[in-house]
Amino acid sequence: MFRFQKRISKKAGLSPGTLIHIGEKKTEQVKMQVIDYDDEHLEEKDLDLASIEDCLHLKDSPTVSWINIDGIHQVDVIKEIGKIFSLHSLIL
């Protein structure tokens, strides 16, 4: 006979959209890469966390912009990206 243990999630009791990392604790540095393109140009560059605001000009750009984030375990980085691009907390 199997016994099931009742596990309470770390998110229990928090309001919807609250940013919290669940899972294994990670210590790797977050890596960000921006790919910005249209019919006539392609630009790829790596960003460090100190230059997140360098993405701000992409918000109103007519080009297609892809921001790749490796390491979503640092919730403050995700929150900052959401603030810059006016993303709803449920999307984050």
PDB file of N, CA and C in Angstrom:
ATOM      1  N   MET A   1       0.835  -1.172   0.000  1.00  0.00           N
ATOM      2  CA  MET A   1       0.000   0.000   0.000  1.00  0.00           C
ATOM      3  C   MET A   1       0.888   1.246   0.000  1.00  0.00           C
ATOM      4  N   PHE A   2       0.549   2.179  -0.866  1.00  0.00           N
ATOM      5  CA  PHE A   2       1.306   3.420  -0.966  1.00  0.00           C
ATOM      6  C   PHE A   2       0.714   4.460  -0.026  1.00  0.00           C
ATOM      7  N   ARG A   3       1.578   5.246   0.549  1.00  0.00           N
ATOM      8  CA  ARG A   3       1.129   6.372   1.378  1.00  0.00           C
ATOM      9  C   ARG A   3       1.515   7.652   0.660  1.00  0.00           C
ATOM     10  N   PHE A   4       0.581   8.514   0.549  1.00  0.00           N
ATOM     11  CA  PHE A   4       0.844   9.796  -0.075  1.00  0.00           C
ATOM     12  C   PHE A   4       1.045  10.836   1.011  1.00  0.00           C
ATOM     13  N   GLN A   5       2.117  11.593   0.875  1.00  0.00           N
ATOM     14  CA  GLN A   5       2.361  12.672   1.815  1.00  0.00           C
ATOM     15  C   GLN A   5       1.752  13.939   1.251  1.00  0.00           C
ATOM     16  N   LYS A   6       1.105  14.652   2.092  1.00  0.00           N
ATOM     17  CA  LYS A   6       0.528  15.918   1.665  1.00  0.00           C
ATOM     18  C   LYS A   6       1.649  16.945   1.603  1.00  0.00           C
ATOM     19  N   ARG A   7       1.863  17.482   0.419  1.00  0.00           N
ATOM     20  CA  ARG A   7       2.907  18.492   0.230  1.00  0.00           C
ATOM     21  C   ARG A   7       2.246  19.828  -0.037  1.00  0.00           C
ATOM     22  N   ILE A   8       2.628  20.799   0.716  1.00  0.00           N
ATOM     23  CA  ILE A   8       2.083  22.134   0.529  1.00  0.00           C
ATOM     24  C   ILE A   8       3.052  22.925  -0.340  1.00  0.00           C
ATOM     25  N   SER A   9       2.531  23.490  -1.386  1.00  0.00           N
ATOM     26  CA  SER A   9       3.333  24.272  -2.308  1.00  0.00           C
ATOM     27  C   SER A   9       3.801  25.562  -1.649  1.00  0.00           C
ATOM     28  N   LYS A  10       4.988  26.020  -2.076  1.00  0.00           N
ATOM     29  CA  LYS A  10       5.500  27.304  -1.592  1.00  0.00           C
ATOM     30  C   LYS A  10       4.621  28.454  -2.065  1.00  0.00           C
ATOM     31  N   LYS A  11       3.828  28.209  -3.103  1.00  0.00           N
ATOM     32  CA  LYS A  11       2.975  29.258  -3.653  1.00  0.00           C
ATOM     33  C   LYS A  11       1.626  29.344  -2.940  1.00  0.00           C
ATOM     34  N   ALA A  12       1.325  28.375  -2.080  1.00  0.00           N
ATOM     35  CA  ALA A  12       0.035  28.355  -1.394  1.00  0.00           C
ATOM     36  C   ALA A  12      -0.131  29.614  -0.560  1.00  0.00           C
ATOM     37  N   GLY A  13      -1.257  30.257  -0.725  1.00  0.00           N
ATOM     38  CA  GLY A  13      -1.566  31.456   0.042  1.00  0.00           C
ATOM     39  C   GLY A  13      -1.104  32.744  -0.602  1.00  0.00           C
ATOM     40  N   LEU A  14      -0.308  32.668  -1.672  1.00  0.00           N
ATOM     41  CA  LEU A  14       0.147  33.874  -2.351  1.00  0.00           C
ATOM     42  C   LEU A  14      -0.882  34.297  -3.392  1.00  0.00           C
ATOM     43  N   SER A  15      -0.927  35.568  -3.697  1.00  0.00           N
ATOM     44  CA  SER A  15      -1.879  36.036  -4.698  1.00  0.00           C
ATOM     45  C   SER A  15      -1.434  35.607  -6.096  1.00  0.00           C
ATOM     46  N   PRO A  16      -2.379  35.437  -7.017  1.00  0.00           N
ATOM     47  CA  PRO A  16      -2.037  35.031  -8.389  1.00  0.00           C
ATOM     48  C   PRO A  16      -1.069  36.027  -9.020  1.00  0.00           C
ATOM     49  N   GLY A  17      -0.069  35.521  -9.701  1.00  0.00           N
ATOM     50  CA  GLY A  17       0.909  36.375 -10.361  1.00  0.00           C
ATOM     51  C   GLY A  17       2.112  36.690  -9.502  1.00  0.00           C
ATOM     52  N   THR A  18       2.147  36.192  -8.263  1.00  0.00           N
ATOM     53  CA  THR A  18       3.305  36.415  -7.408  1.00  0.00           C
ATOM     54  C   THR A  18       4.489  35.640  -7.973  1.00  0.00           C
ATOM     55  N   LEU A  19       5.609  36.326  -8.165  1.00  0.00           N
ATOM     56  CA  LEU A  19       6.786  35.674  -8.721  1.00  0.00           C
ATOM     57  C   LEU A  19       7.550  34.946  -7.625  1.00  0.00           C
ATOM     58  N   ILE A  20       7.722  33.652  -7.838  1.00  0.00           N
ATOM     59  CA  ILE A  20       8.478  32.836  -6.903  1.00  0.00           C
ATOM     60  C   ILE A  20       9.084  31.685  -7.688  1.00  0.00           C
ATOM     61  N   HIS A  21      10.328  31.376  -7.413  1.00  0.00           N
ATOM     62  CA  HIS A  21      10.988  30.243  -8.075  1.00  0.00           C
ATOM     63  C   HIS A  21      10.771  29.007  -7.219  1.00  0.00           C
ATOM     64  N   ILE A  22      10.237  27.974  -7.843  1.00  0.00           N
ATOM     65  CA  ILE A  22      10.084  26.697  -7.149  1.00  0.00           C
ATOM     66  C   ILE A  22      10.943  25.688  -7.882  1.00  0.00           C
ATOM     67  N   GLY A  23      11.476  24.778  -7.182  1.00  0.00           N
ATOM     68  CA  GLY A  23      12.345  23.784  -7.789  1.00  0.00           C
ATOM     69  C   GLY A  23      13.700  23.800  -7.116  1.00  0.00           C
ATOM     70  N   GLU A  24      14.675  23.231  -7.805  1.00  0.00           N
ATOM     71  CA  GLU A  24      16.014  23.157  -7.252  1.00  0.00           C
ATOM     72  C   GLU A  24      16.632  24.544  -7.124  1.00  0.00           C
ATOM     73  N   LYS A  25      17.359  24.753  -6.047  1.00  0.00           N
ATOM     74  CA  LYS A  25      18.057  26.029  -5.853  1.00  0.00           C
ATOM     75  C   LYS A  25      19.241  26.069  -6.809  1.00  0.00           C
ATOM     76  N   LYS A  26      19.321  27.136  -7.572  1.00  0.00           N
ATOM     77  CA  LYS A  26      20.375  27.264  -8.570  1.00  0.00           C
ATOM     78  C   LYS A  26      21.251  28.455  -8.234  1.00  0.00           C
ATOM     79  N   THR A  27      22.506  28.365  -8.607  1.00  0.00           N
ATOM     80  CA  THR A  27      23.440  29.454  -8.332  1.00  0.00           C
ATOM     81  C   THR A  27      24.063  30.011  -9.602  1.00  0.00           C
ATOM     82  N   GLU A  28      23.726  29.450 -10.748  1.00  0.00           N
ATOM     83  CA  GLU A  28      24.304  29.935 -11.993  1.00  0.00           C
ATOM     84  C   GLU A  28      23.869  31.371 -12.255  1.00  0.00           C
ATOM     85  N   GLN A  29      24.710  32.094 -12.928  1.00  0.00           N
ATOM     86  CA  GLN A  29      24.410  33.469 -13.311  1.00  0.00           C
ATOM     87  C   GLN A  29      23.383  33.459 -14.444  1.00  0.00           C
ATOM     88  N   VAL A  30      22.461  34.382 -14.416  1.00  0.00           N
ATOM     89  CA  VAL A  30      21.469  34.515 -15.477  1.00  0.00           C
ATOM     90  C   VAL A  30      22.157  35.056 -16.727  1.00  0.00           C
ATOM     91  N   LYS A  31      21.851  34.458 -17.869  1.00  0.00           N
ATOM     92  CA  LYS A  31      22.408  34.908 -19.146  1.00  0.00           C
ATOM     93  C   LYS A  31      21.270  35.436 -20.003  1.00  0.00           C
ATOM     94  N   MET A  32      21.522  36.557 -20.647  1.00  0.00           N
ATOM     95  CA  MET A  32      20.510  37.151 -21.523  1.00  0.00           C
ATOM     96  C   MET A  32      21.108  37.407 -22.899  1.00  0.00           C
ATOM     97  N   GLN A  33      20.291  37.143 -23.913  1.00  0.00           N
ATOM     98  CA  GLN A  33      20.695  37.398 -25.287  1.00  0.00           C
ATOM     99  C   GLN A  33      19.529  38.076 -25.992  1.00  0.00           C
ATOM    100  N   VAL A  34      19.851  39.098 -26.788  1.00  0.00           N
ATOM    101  CA  VAL A  34      18.838  39.815 -27.561  1.00  0.00           C
ATOM    102  C   VAL A  34      19.081  39.551 -29.038  1.00  0.00           C
ATOM    103  N   ILE A  35      18.013  39.186 -29.730  1.00  0.00           N
ATOM    104  CA  ILE A  35      18.056  39.038 -31.181  1.00  0.00           C
ATOM    105  C   ILE A  35      17.015  39.996 -31.733  1.00  0.00           C
ATOM    106  N   ASP A  36      17.462  40.924 -32.532  1.00  0.00           N
ATOM    107  CA  ASP A  36      16.597  41.961 -33.091  1.00  0.00           C
ATOM    108  C   ASP A  36      16.740  41.919 -34.607  1.00  0.00           C
ATOM    109  N   TYR A  37      15.610  41.824 -35.321  1.00  0.00           N
ATOM    110  CA  TYR A  37      15.728  41.687 -36.766  1.00  0.00           C
ATOM    111  C   TYR A  37      14.506  42.244 -37.488  1.00  0.00           C
ATOM    112  N   ASP A  38      14.714  42.499 -38.762  1.00  0.00           N
ATOM    113  CA  ASP A  38      13.644  42.809 -39.703  1.00  0.00           C
ATOM    114  C   ASP A  38      14.110  42.322 -41.071  1.00  0.00           C
ATOM    115  N   ASP A  39      13.499  42.819 -42.136  1.00  0.00           N
ATOM    116  CA  ASP A  39      13.845  42.356 -43.489  1.00  0.00           C
ATOM    117  C   ASP A  39      15.278  42.696 -43.880  1.00  0.00           C
ATOM    118  N   GLU A  40      15.826  43.756 -43.290  1.00  0.00           N
ATOM    119  CA  GLU A  40      17.117  44.248 -43.761  1.00  0.00           C
ATOM    120  C   GLU A  40      18.270  44.085 -42.783  1.00  0.00           C
ATOM    121  N   HIS A  41      18.015  43.745 -41.548  1.00  0.00           N
ATOM    122  CA  HIS A  41      19.131  43.622 -40.608  1.00  0.00           C
ATOM    123  C   HIS A  41      18.870  42.540 -39.556  1.00  0.00           C
ATOM    124  N   LEU A  42      19.955  42.076 -38.994  1.00  0.00           N
ATOM    125  CA  LEU A  42      19.923  41.106 -37.906  1.00  0.00           C
ATOM    126  C   LEU A  42      20.994  41.514 -36.908  1.00  0.00           C
ATOM    127  N   GLU A  43      20.604  41.633 -35.657  1.00  0.00           N
ATOM    128  CA  GLU A  43      21.559  42.001 -34.609  1.00  0.00           C
ATOM    129  C   GLU A  43      21.394  41.028 -33.446  1.00  0.00           C
ATOM    130  N   GLU A  44      22.500  40.440 -33.027  1.00  0.00           N
ATOM    131  CA  GLU A  44      22.506  39.557 -31.861  1.00  0.00           C
ATOM    132  C   GLU A  44      23.533  40.103 -30.879  1.00  0.00           C
ATOM    133  N   LYS A  45      23.139  40.161 -29.603  1.00  0.00           N
ATOM    134  CA  LYS A  45      24.125  40.572 -28.608  1.00  0.00           C
ATOM    135  C   LYS A  45      23.773  39.974 -27.257  1.00  0.00           C
ATOM    136  N   ASP A  46      24.819  39.712 -26.508  1.00  0.00           N
ATOM    137  CA  ASP A  46      24.665  39.216 -25.149  1.00  0.00           C
ATOM    138  C   ASP A  46      24.601  40.405 -24.203  1.00  0.00           C
ATOM    139  N   LEU A  47      23.745  40.301 -23.196  1.00  0.00           N
ATOM    140  CA  LEU A  47      23.602  41.363 -22.210  1.00  0.00           C
ATOM    141  C   LEU A  47      23.959  40.831 -20.840  1.00  0.00           C
ATOM    142  N   ASP A  48      24.495  41.694 -20.010  1.00  0.00           N
ATOM    143  CA  ASP A  48      24.648  41.320 -18.616  1.00  0.00           C
ATOM    144  C   ASP A  48      23.501  41.951 -17.834  1.00  0.00           C
ATOM    145  N   LEU A  49      23.332  41.541 -16.616  1.00  0.00           N
ATOM    146  CA  LEU A  49      22.191  41.996 -15.833  1.00  0.00           C
ATOM    147  C   LEU A  49      22.206  43.490 -15.590  1.00  0.00           C
ATOM    148  N   ALA A  50      23.382  44.087 -15.582  1.00  0.00           N
ATOM    149  CA  ALA A  50      23.480  45.522 -15.333  1.00  0.00           C
ATOM    150  C   ALA A  50      22.934  46.335 -16.503  1.00  0.00           C
ATOM    151  N   SER A  51      22.815  45.714 -17.682  1.00  0.00           N
ATOM    152  CA  SER A  51      22.384  46.466 -18.859  1.00  0.00           C
ATOM    153  C   SER A  51      20.988  46.057 -19.336  1.00  0.00           C
ATOM    154  N   ILE A  52      20.143  45.633 -18.422  1.00  0.00           N
ATOM    155  CA  ILE A  52      18.781  45.257 -18.794  1.00  0.00           C
ATOM    156  C   ILE A  52      18.070  46.436 -19.445  1.00  0.00           C
ATOM    157  N   GLU A  53      18.334  47.639 -18.957  1.00  0.00           N
ATOM    158  CA  GLU A  53      17.667  48.814 -19.518  1.00  0.00           C
ATOM    159  C   GLU A  53      18.079  49.093 -20.962  1.00  0.00           C
ATOM    160  N   ASP A  54      19.156  48.446 -21.434  1.00  0.00           N
ATOM    161  CA  ASP A  54      19.547  48.592 -22.839  1.00  0.00           C
ATOM    162  C   ASP A  54      18.502  48.002 -23.777  1.00  0.00           C
ATOM    163  N   CYS A  55      17.586  47.219 -23.247  1.00  0.00           N
ATOM    164  CA  CYS A  55      16.507  46.634 -24.046  1.00  0.00           C
ATOM    165  C   CYS A  55      15.345  47.605 -24.226  1.00  0.00           C
ATOM    166  N   LEU A  56      15.327  48.679 -23.466  1.00  0.00           N
ATOM    167  CA  LEU A  56      14.182  49.585 -23.460  1.00  0.00           C
ATOM    168  C   LEU A  56      13.872  50.143 -24.844  1.00  0.00           C
ATOM    169  N   HIS A  57      14.890  50.445 -25.631  1.00  0.00           N
ATOM    170  CA  HIS A  57      14.647  50.994 -26.967  1.00  0.00           C
ATOM    171  C   HIS A  57      13.927  50.008 -27.888  1.00  0.00           C
ATOM    172  N   LEU A  58      13.974  48.724 -27.560  1.00  0.00           N
ATOM    173  CA  LEU A  58      13.311  47.713 -28.389  1.00  0.00           C
ATOM    174  C   LEU A  58      11.797  47.727 -28.225  1.00  0.00           C
ATOM    175  N   LYS A  59      11.333  48.319 -27.130  1.00  0.00           N
ATOM    176  CA  LYS A  59       9.897  48.313 -26.829  1.00  0.00           C
ATOM    177  C   LYS A  59       9.069  48.970 -27.938  1.00  0.00           C
ATOM    178  N   ASP A  60       9.540  50.070 -28.455  1.00  0.00           N
ATOM    179  CA  ASP A  60       8.797  50.803 -29.485  1.00  0.00           C
ATOM    180  C   ASP A  60       9.412  50.649 -30.868  1.00  0.00           C
ATOM    181  N   SER A  61      10.302  49.705 -31.015  1.00  0.00           N
ATOM    182  CA  SER A  61      10.969  49.478 -32.287  1.00  0.00           C
ATOM    183  C   SER A  61      10.044  48.715 -33.243  1.00  0.00           C
ATOM    184  N   PRO A  62      10.091  49.034 -34.547  1.00  0.00           N
ATOM    185  CA  PRO A  62       9.263  48.306 -35.519  1.00  0.00           C
ATOM    186  C   PRO A  62       9.831  46.927 -35.859  1.00  0.00           C
ATOM    187  N   THR A  63      11.017  46.599 -35.368  1.00  0.00           N
ATOM    188  CA  THR A  63      11.635  45.310 -35.656  1.00  0.00           C
ATOM    189  C   THR A  63      11.083  44.227 -34.730  1.00  0.00           C
ATOM    190  N   VAL A  64      11.379  42.984 -35.064  1.00  0.00           N
ATOM    191  CA  VAL A  64      11.029  41.855 -34.206  1.00  0.00           C
ATOM    192  C   VAL A  64      12.172  41.687 -33.215  1.00  0.00           C
ATOM    193  N   SER A  65      11.842  41.627 -31.940  1.00  0.00           N
ATOM    194  CA  SER A  65      12.871  41.523 -30.905  1.00  0.00           C
ATOM    195  C   SER A  65      12.600  40.296 -30.039  1.00  0.00           C
ATOM    196  N   TRP A  66      13.608  39.470 -29.903  1.00  0.00           N
ATOM    197  CA  TRP A  66      13.518  38.276 -29.073  1.00  0.00           C
ATOM    198  C   TRP A  66      14.536  38.422 -27.949  1.00  0.00           C
ATOM    199  N   ILE A  67      14.072  38.305 -26.724  1.00  0.00           N
ATOM    200  CA  ILE A  67      14.969  38.350 -25.577  1.00  0.00           C
ATOM    201  C   ILE A  67      14.969  36.962 -24.950  1.00  0.00           C
ATOM    202  N   ASN A  68      16.100  36.309 -25.014  1.00  0.00           N
ATOM    203  CA  ASN A  68      16.246  34.974 -24.463  1.00  0.00           C
ATOM    204  C   ASN A  68      16.887  35.090 -23.082  1.00  0.00           C
ATOM    205  N   ILE A  69      16.251  34.483 -22.085  1.00  0.00           N
ATOM    206  CA  ILE A  69      16.779  34.512 -20.727  1.00  0.00           C
ATOM    207  C   ILE A  69      17.037  33.080 -20.290  1.00  0.00           C
ATOM    208  N   ASP A  70      18.285  32.769 -19.996  1.00  0.00           N
ATOM    209  CA  ASP A  70      18.658  31.460 -19.461  1.00  0.00           C
ATOM    210  C   ASP A  70      18.867  31.628 -17.966  1.00  0.00           C
ATOM    211  N   GLY A  71      17.966  31.067 -17.193  1.00  0.00           N
ATOM    212  CA  GLY A  71      18.091  31.151 -15.744  1.00  0.00           C
ATOM    213  C   GLY A  71      17.002  32.007 -15.144  1.00  0.00           C
ATOM    214  N   ILE A  72      15.794  31.487 -15.131  1.00  0.00           N
ATOM    215  CA  ILE A  72      14.681  32.264 -14.582  1.00  0.00           C
ATOM    216  C   ILE A  72      14.571  32.131 -13.072  1.00  0.00           C
ATOM    217  N   HIS A  73      15.604  31.568 -12.455  1.00  0.00           N
ATOM    218  CA  HIS A  73      15.578  31.385 -11.009  1.00  0.00           C
ATOM    219  C   HIS A  73      15.803  32.690 -10.248  1.00  0.00           C
ATOM    220  N   GLN A  74      16.303  33.721 -10.896  1.00  0.00           N
ATOM    221  CA  GLN A  74      16.467  35.011 -10.236  1.00  0.00           C
ATOM    222  C   GLN A  74      15.227  35.853 -10.539  1.00  0.00           C
ATOM    223  N   VAL A  75      14.310  35.820  -9.622  1.00  0.00           N
ATOM    224  CA  VAL A  75      12.998  36.415  -9.815  1.00  0.00           C
ATOM    225  C   VAL A  75      13.089  37.923 -10.030  1.00  0.00           C
ATOM    226  N   ASP A  76      14.045  38.588  -9.404  1.00  0.00           N
ATOM    227  CA  ASP A  76      14.170  40.034  -9.560  1.00  0.00           C
ATOM    228  C   ASP A  76      14.495  40.431 -10.999  1.00  0.00           C
ATOM    229  N   VAL A  77      15.226  39.579 -11.726  1.00  0.00           N
ATOM    230  CA  VAL A  77      15.524  39.848 -13.142  1.00  0.00           C
ATOM    231  C   VAL A  77      14.243  39.761 -13.964  1.00  0.00           C
ATOM    232  N   ILE A  78      13.461  38.734 -13.733  1.00  0.00           N
ATOM    233  CA  ILE A  78      12.198  38.559 -14.452  1.00  0.00           C
ATOM    234  C   ILE A  78      11.256  39.721 -14.148  1.00  0.00           C
ATOM    235  N   LYS A  79      11.217  40.140 -12.890  1.00  0.00           N
ATOM    236  CA  LYS A  79      10.370  41.265 -12.500  1.00  0.00           C
ATOM    237  C   LYS A  79      10.797  42.550 -13.217  1.00  0.00           C
ATOM    238  N   GLU A  80      12.104  42.772 -13.337  1.00  0.00           N
ATOM    239  CA  GLU A  80      12.622  43.973 -14.017  1.00  0.00           C
ATOM    240  C   GLU A  80      12.270  43.956 -15.506  1.00  0.00           C
ATOM    241  N   ILE A  81      12.416  42.806 -16.152  1.00  0.00           N
ATOM    242  CA  ILE A  81      12.030  42.679 -17.571  1.00  0.00           C
ATOM    243  C   ILE A  81      10.537  42.985 -17.727  1.00  0.00           C
ATOM    244  N   GLY A  82       9.736  42.451 -16.819  1.00  0.00           N
ATOM    245  CA  GLY A  82       8.300  42.709 -16.863  1.00  0.00           C
ATOM    246  C   GLY A  82       7.974  44.179 -16.706  1.00  0.00           C
ATOM    247  N   LYS A  83       8.715  44.864 -15.841  1.00  0.00           N
ATOM    248  CA  LYS A  83       8.485  46.294 -15.639  1.00  0.00           C
ATOM    249  C   LYS A  83       8.863  47.095 -16.885  1.00  0.00           C
ATOM    250  N   ILE A  84       9.996  46.751 -17.493  1.00  0.00           N
ATOM    251  CA  ILE A  84      10.469  47.467 -18.680  1.00  0.00           C
ATOM    252  C   ILE A  84       9.483  47.330 -19.839  1.00  0.00           C
ATOM    253  N   PHE A  85       8.957  46.110 -20.035  1.00  0.00           N
ATOM    254  CA  PHE A  85       8.083  45.855 -21.175  1.00  0.00           C
ATOM    255  C   PHE A  85       6.596  45.838 -20.815  1.00  0.00           C
ATOM    256  N   SER A  86       6.251  46.286 -19.625  1.00  0.00           N
ATOM    257  CA  SER A  86       4.851  46.379 -19.174  1.00  0.00           C
ATOM    258  C   SER A  86       4.117  45.040 -19.333  1.00  0.00           C
ATOM    259  N   LEU A  87       4.744  43.965 -18.865  1.00  0.00           N
ATOM    260  CA  LEU A  87       4.132  42.638 -18.931  1.00  0.00           C
ATOM    261  C   LEU A  87       3.322  42.381 -17.681  1.00  0.00           C
ATOM    262  N   HIS A  88       2.151  41.819 -17.848  1.00  0.00           N
ATOM    263  CA  HIS A  88       1.278  41.507 -16.725  1.00  0.00           C
ATOM    264  C   HIS A  88       1.939  40.433 -15.858  1.00  0.00           C
ATOM    265  N   SER A  89       1.717  40.490 -14.571  1.00  0.00           N
ATOM    266  CA  SER A  89       2.363  39.553 -13.644  1.00  0.00           C
ATOM    267  C   SER A  89       1.984  38.102 -13.917  1.00  0.00           C
ATOM    268  N   LEU A  90       0.793  37.846 -14.442  1.00  0.00           N
ATOM    269  CA  LEU A  90       0.415  36.466 -14.759  1.00  0.00           C
ATOM    270  C   LEU A  90       1.199  35.924 -15.968  1.00  0.00           C
ATOM    271  N   ILE A  91       1.648  36.794 -16.844  1.00  0.00           N
ATOM    272  CA  ILE A  91       2.473  36.371 -17.961  1.00  0.00           C
ATOM    273  C   ILE A  91       3.866  36.005 -17.467  1.00  0.00           C
ATOM    274  N   LEU A  92       4.355  36.792 -16.518  1.00  0.00           N
ATOM    275  CA  LEU A  92       5.702  36.528 -15.993  1.00  0.00           C
ATOM    276  C   LEU A  92       5.720  35.207 -15.266  1.00  0.00           C
TER     277      LEU A  92
END
